[in-house]
C-alpha atoms as a PDB file:
ATOM      1  CA  MET A   1      52.183 139.432 179.769  1.00  0.00           C
ATOM      2  CA  ASN A   2      51.950 140.681 176.792  1.00  0.00           C
ATOM      3  CA  ALA A   3      47.941 141.128 177.115  1.00  0.00           C
ATOM      4  CA  ILE A   4      48.616 144.111 179.884  1.00  0.00           C
ATOM      5  CA  LYS A   5      51.047 145.729 176.921  1.00  0.00           C
ATOM      6  CA  THR A   6      49.027 145.369 174.426  1.00  0.00           C
ATOM      7  CA  LEU A   7      46.171 146.750 176.524  1.00  0.00           C
ATOM      8  CA  LYS A   8      48.134 149.638 177.466  1.00  0.00           C
ATOM      9  CA  LEU A   9      49.029 150.432 173.970  1.00  0.00           C
ATOM     10  CA  ALA A  10      45.490 150.454 172.831  1.00  0.00           C
ATOM     11  CA  GLY A  11      44.224 152.425 175.215  1.00  0.00           C
ATOM     12  CA  ALA A  12      46.809 154.669 174.666  1.00  0.00           C
ATOM     13  CA  ALA A  13      45.872 154.799 171.186  1.00  0.00           C
ATOM     14  CA  LEU A  14      42.384 154.779 172.000  1.00  0.00           C
ATOM     15  CA  ILE A  15      42.946 158.263 174.036  1.00  0.00           C
ATOM     16  CA  VAL A  16      45.135 159.735 171.300  1.00  0.00           C
ATOM     17  CA  VAL A  17      42.130 159.367 168.713  1.00  0.00           C
ATOM     18  CA  ALA A  18      39.618 160.776 170.991  1.00  0.00           C
ATOM     19  CA  SER A  19      41.881 164.180 171.711  1.00  0.00           C
ATOM     20  CA  VAL A  20      43.232 164.631 168.258  1.00  0.00           C
ATOM     21  CA  ASN A  21      39.359 164.453 167.294  1.00  0.00           C
ATOM     22  CA  ALA A  22      38.414 166.644 170.523  1.00  0.00           C
ATOM     23  CA  TRP A  23      40.890 168.935 169.426  1.00  0.00           C
ATOM     24  CA  ALA A  24      40.012 168.666 165.562  1.00  0.00           C
ATOM     25  CA  GLN A  25      35.928 169.601 165.795  1.00  0.00           C
ATOM     26  CA  GLY A  26      36.306 172.068 168.333  1.00  0.00           C
ATOM     27  CA  SER A  27      39.406 174.131 166.732  1.00  0.00           C
ATOM     28  CA  GLU A  28      37.528 174.767 162.691  1.00  0.00           C
ATOM     29  CA  ALA A  29      34.808 177.214 163.734  1.00  0.00           C
ATOM     30  CA  ALA A  30      37.176 178.881 165.731  1.00  0.00           C
ATOM     31  CA  SER A  31      40.380 178.932 162.876  1.00  0.00           C
ATOM     32  CA  ALA A  32      38.396 179.335 159.945  1.00  0.00           C
ATOM     33  CA  PRO A  33      37.319 182.549 159.674  1.00  0.00           C
ATOM     34  CA  THR A  34      41.130 183.826 159.597  1.00  0.00           C
ATOM     35  CA  THR A  35      42.699 180.536 157.555  1.00  0.00           C
ATOM     36  CA  THR A  36      40.810 180.996 154.860  1.00  0.00           C
ATOM     37  CA  GLN A  37      39.754 184.976 154.102  1.00  0.00           C
ATOM     38  CA  GLY A  38      41.646 185.179 150.708  1.00  0.00           C
ATOM     39  CA  ALA A  39      43.337 181.392 151.267  1.00  0.00           C
ATOM     40  CA  SER A  40      43.014 178.271 149.483  1.00  0.00           C
ATOM     41  CA  LYS A  41      42.473 174.664 150.802  1.00  0.00           C
ATOM     42  CA  SER A  42      46.080 173.450 149.414  1.00  0.00           C
ATOM     43  CA  SER A  43      47.720 176.629 150.253  1.00  0.00           C
ATOM     44  CA  ILE A  44      46.527 176.265 154.048  1.00  0.00           C
ATOM     45  CA  ARG A  45      47.328 172.419 153.850  1.00  0.00           C
ATOM     46  CA  LYS A  46      50.857 173.435 152.500  1.00  0.00           C
ATOM     47  CA  ALA A  47      51.164 176.023 155.527  1.00  0.00           C
ATOM     48  CA  ASN A  48      50.319 173.489 158.285  1.00  0.00           C
ATOM     49  CA  ARG A  49      52.410 170.968 156.424  1.00  0.00           C
ATOM     50  CA  ALA A  50      56.093 173.236 156.446  1.00  0.00           C
ATOM     51  CA  LEU A  51      55.019 174.360 160.245  1.00  0.00           C
ATOM     52  CA  SER A  52      54.443 170.830 161.329  1.00  0.00           C
ATOM     53  CA  ARG A  53      58.046 169.696 159.952  1.00  0.00           C
ATOM     54  CA  LYS A  54      59.636 172.847 161.309  1.00  0.00           C
ATOM     55  CA  VAL A  55      58.413 171.478 164.452  1.00  0.00           C
ATOM     56  CA  ALA A  56      60.020 168.483 164.212  1.00  0.00           C
ATOM     57  CA  SER A  57      63.459 169.465 163.076  1.00  0.00           C
ATOM     58  CA  ALA A  58      63.113 171.561 166.768  1.00  0.00           C
ATOM     59  CA  LEU A  59      61.976 168.856 168.711  1.00  0.00           C
ATOM     60  CA  SER A  60      64.501 166.491 167.042  1.00  0.00           C
ATOM     61  CA  LYS A  61      67.215 169.555 167.075  1.00  0.00           C
ATOM     62  CA  GLY A  62      66.398 170.474 170.474  1.00  0.00           C
ATOM     63  CA  GLY A  63      66.832 166.589 171.675  1.00  0.00           C
ATOM     64  CA  VAL A  64      63.556 165.189 171.823  1.00  0.00           C
ATOM     65  CA  ASP A  65      63.357 161.578 170.408  1.00  0.00           C
ATOM     66  CA  THR A  66      60.601 161.978 167.603  1.00  0.00           C
ATOM     67  CA  THR A  67      60.827 158.278 166.459  1.00  0.00           C
ATOM     68  CA  GLY A  68      57.180 158.343 168.227  1.00  0.00           C
ATOM     69  CA  ILE A  69      55.725 161.566 167.666  1.00  0.00           C
ATOM     70  CA  ASN A  70      53.613 163.353 165.483  1.00  0.00           C
ATOM     71  CA  VAL A  71      53.175 166.538 165.074  1.00  0.00           C
ATOM     72  CA  LEU A  72      49.884 167.988 164.098  1.00  0.00           C
ATOM     73  CA  VAL A  73      48.648 171.488 162.821  1.00  0.00           C
ATOM     74  CA  LYS A  74      45.929 173.505 162.212  1.00  0.00           C
ATOM     75  CA  GLY A  75      45.898 177.203 160.873  1.00  0.00           C
ATOM     76  CA  GLY A  76      49.172 177.548 163.863  1.00  0.00           C
ATOM     77  CA  ALA A  77      48.065 175.571 166.247  1.00  0.00           C
ATOM     78  CA  VAL A  78      50.334 171.870 167.363  1.00  0.00           C
ATOM     79  CA  THR A  79      48.976 168.986 168.886  1.00  0.00           C
ATOM     80  CA  LEU A  80      52.079 166.992 170.102  1.00  0.00           C
ATOM     81  CA  ALA A  81      50.437 163.167 169.486  1.00  0.00           C
ATOM     82  CA  GLY A  82      52.873 159.555 169.959  1.00  0.00           C
ATOM     83  CA  GLY A  83      54.403 158.603 172.685  1.00  0.00           C
ATOM     84  CA  VAL A  84      57.972 159.443 174.572  1.00  0.00           C
ATOM     85  CA  THR A  85      59.922 157.143 176.840  1.00  0.00           C
ATOM     86  CA  ASP A  86      61.434 159.506 178.702  1.00  0.00           C
ATOM     87  CA  PRO A  87      58.894 161.065 180.808  1.00  0.00           C
ATOM     88  CA  ALA A  88      61.120 164.758 180.394  1.00  0.00           C
ATOM     89  CA  GLN A  89      60.871 164.875 177.592  1.00  0.00           C
ATOM     90  CA  ILE A  90      56.590 165.447 177.451  1.00  0.00           C
ATOM     91  CA  ASP A  91      57.333 168.689 179.093  1.00  0.00           C
ATOM     92  CA  LYS A  92      60.392 170.042 177.071  1.00  0.00           C
ATOM     93  CA  ALA A  93      58.465 169.331 173.890  1.00  0.00           C
ATOM     94  CA  THR A  94      56.095 171.502 174.742  1.00  0.00           C
ATOM     95  CA  SER A  95      58.184 174.129 175.377  1.00  0.00           C
ATOM     96  CA  ILE A  96      60.611 173.666 172.044  1.00  0.00           C
ATOM     97  CA  ALA A  97      56.903 173.890 169.918  1.00  0.00           C
ATOM     98  CA  LYS A  98      56.165 176.343 171.782  1.00  0.00           C
ATOM     99  CA  GLY A  99      59.459 178.291 170.827  1.00  0.00           C
ATOM    100  CA  VAL A 100      58.777 177.916 167.194  1.00  0.00           C
ATOM    101  CA  SER A 101      57.213 180.722 164.661  1.00  0.00           C
ATOM    102  CA  GLY A 102      54.171 180.736 162.994  1.00  0.00           C
ATOM    103  CA  VAL A 103      52.961 178.606 166.342  1.00  0.00           C
ATOM    104  CA  THR A 104      49.706 180.182 167.393  1.00  0.00           C
ATOM    105  CA  SER A 105      49.200 177.233 171.188  1.00  0.00           C
ATOM    106  CA  VAL A 106      50.428 173.546 171.703  1.00  0.00           C
ATOM    107  CA  LYS A 107      49.031 170.741 173.237  1.00  0.00           C
ATOM    108  CA  ASN A 108      50.643 167.881 173.980  1.00  0.00           C
ATOM    109  CA  ALA A 109      48.728 164.968 173.828  1.00  0.00           C
ATOM    110  CA  LEU A 110      52.269 162.491 174.508  1.00  0.00           C
ATOM    111  CA  THR A 111      52.436 158.999 177.057  1.00  0.00           C
ATOM    112  CA  ILE A 112      55.019 157.904 178.528  1.00  0.00           C
ATOM    113  CA  ARG A 113      55.880 154.479 176.234  1.00  0.00           C
ATOM    114  CA  GLU A 114      57.694 151.459 177.430  1.00  0.00           C
ATOM    115  CA  GLY A 115      61.346 151.338 175.527  1.00  0.00           C
ATOM    116  CA  GLY A 116      60.931 148.643 173.226  1.00  0.00           C
ATOM    117  CA  GLN A 117      58.084 149.667 171.751  1.00  0.00           C
END
């Protein structure tokens, strides 16, 4: 039974890593002209971190358990990665994140995890 849980967790982690990696590669060329014009790399990173905190706060205030959720931001594009225990929270997290000012798009890479994990 533990082997099955371990395989499920490893598979979910692999899917999240692969999807985040694919998202990062595909959006670099598209977002480069708009984010690098007149802005330093450190200010872009700072803005991405601030938006990430803003989205995470909105998710928490909206009733989504953010314990297992990572909010990744790149130039206004948000990726929600990790796992939630309630399947209804996946769609709820997407709609809340779309409502945060500064968010241009939301990719939801959330998975359902079992309660004890």
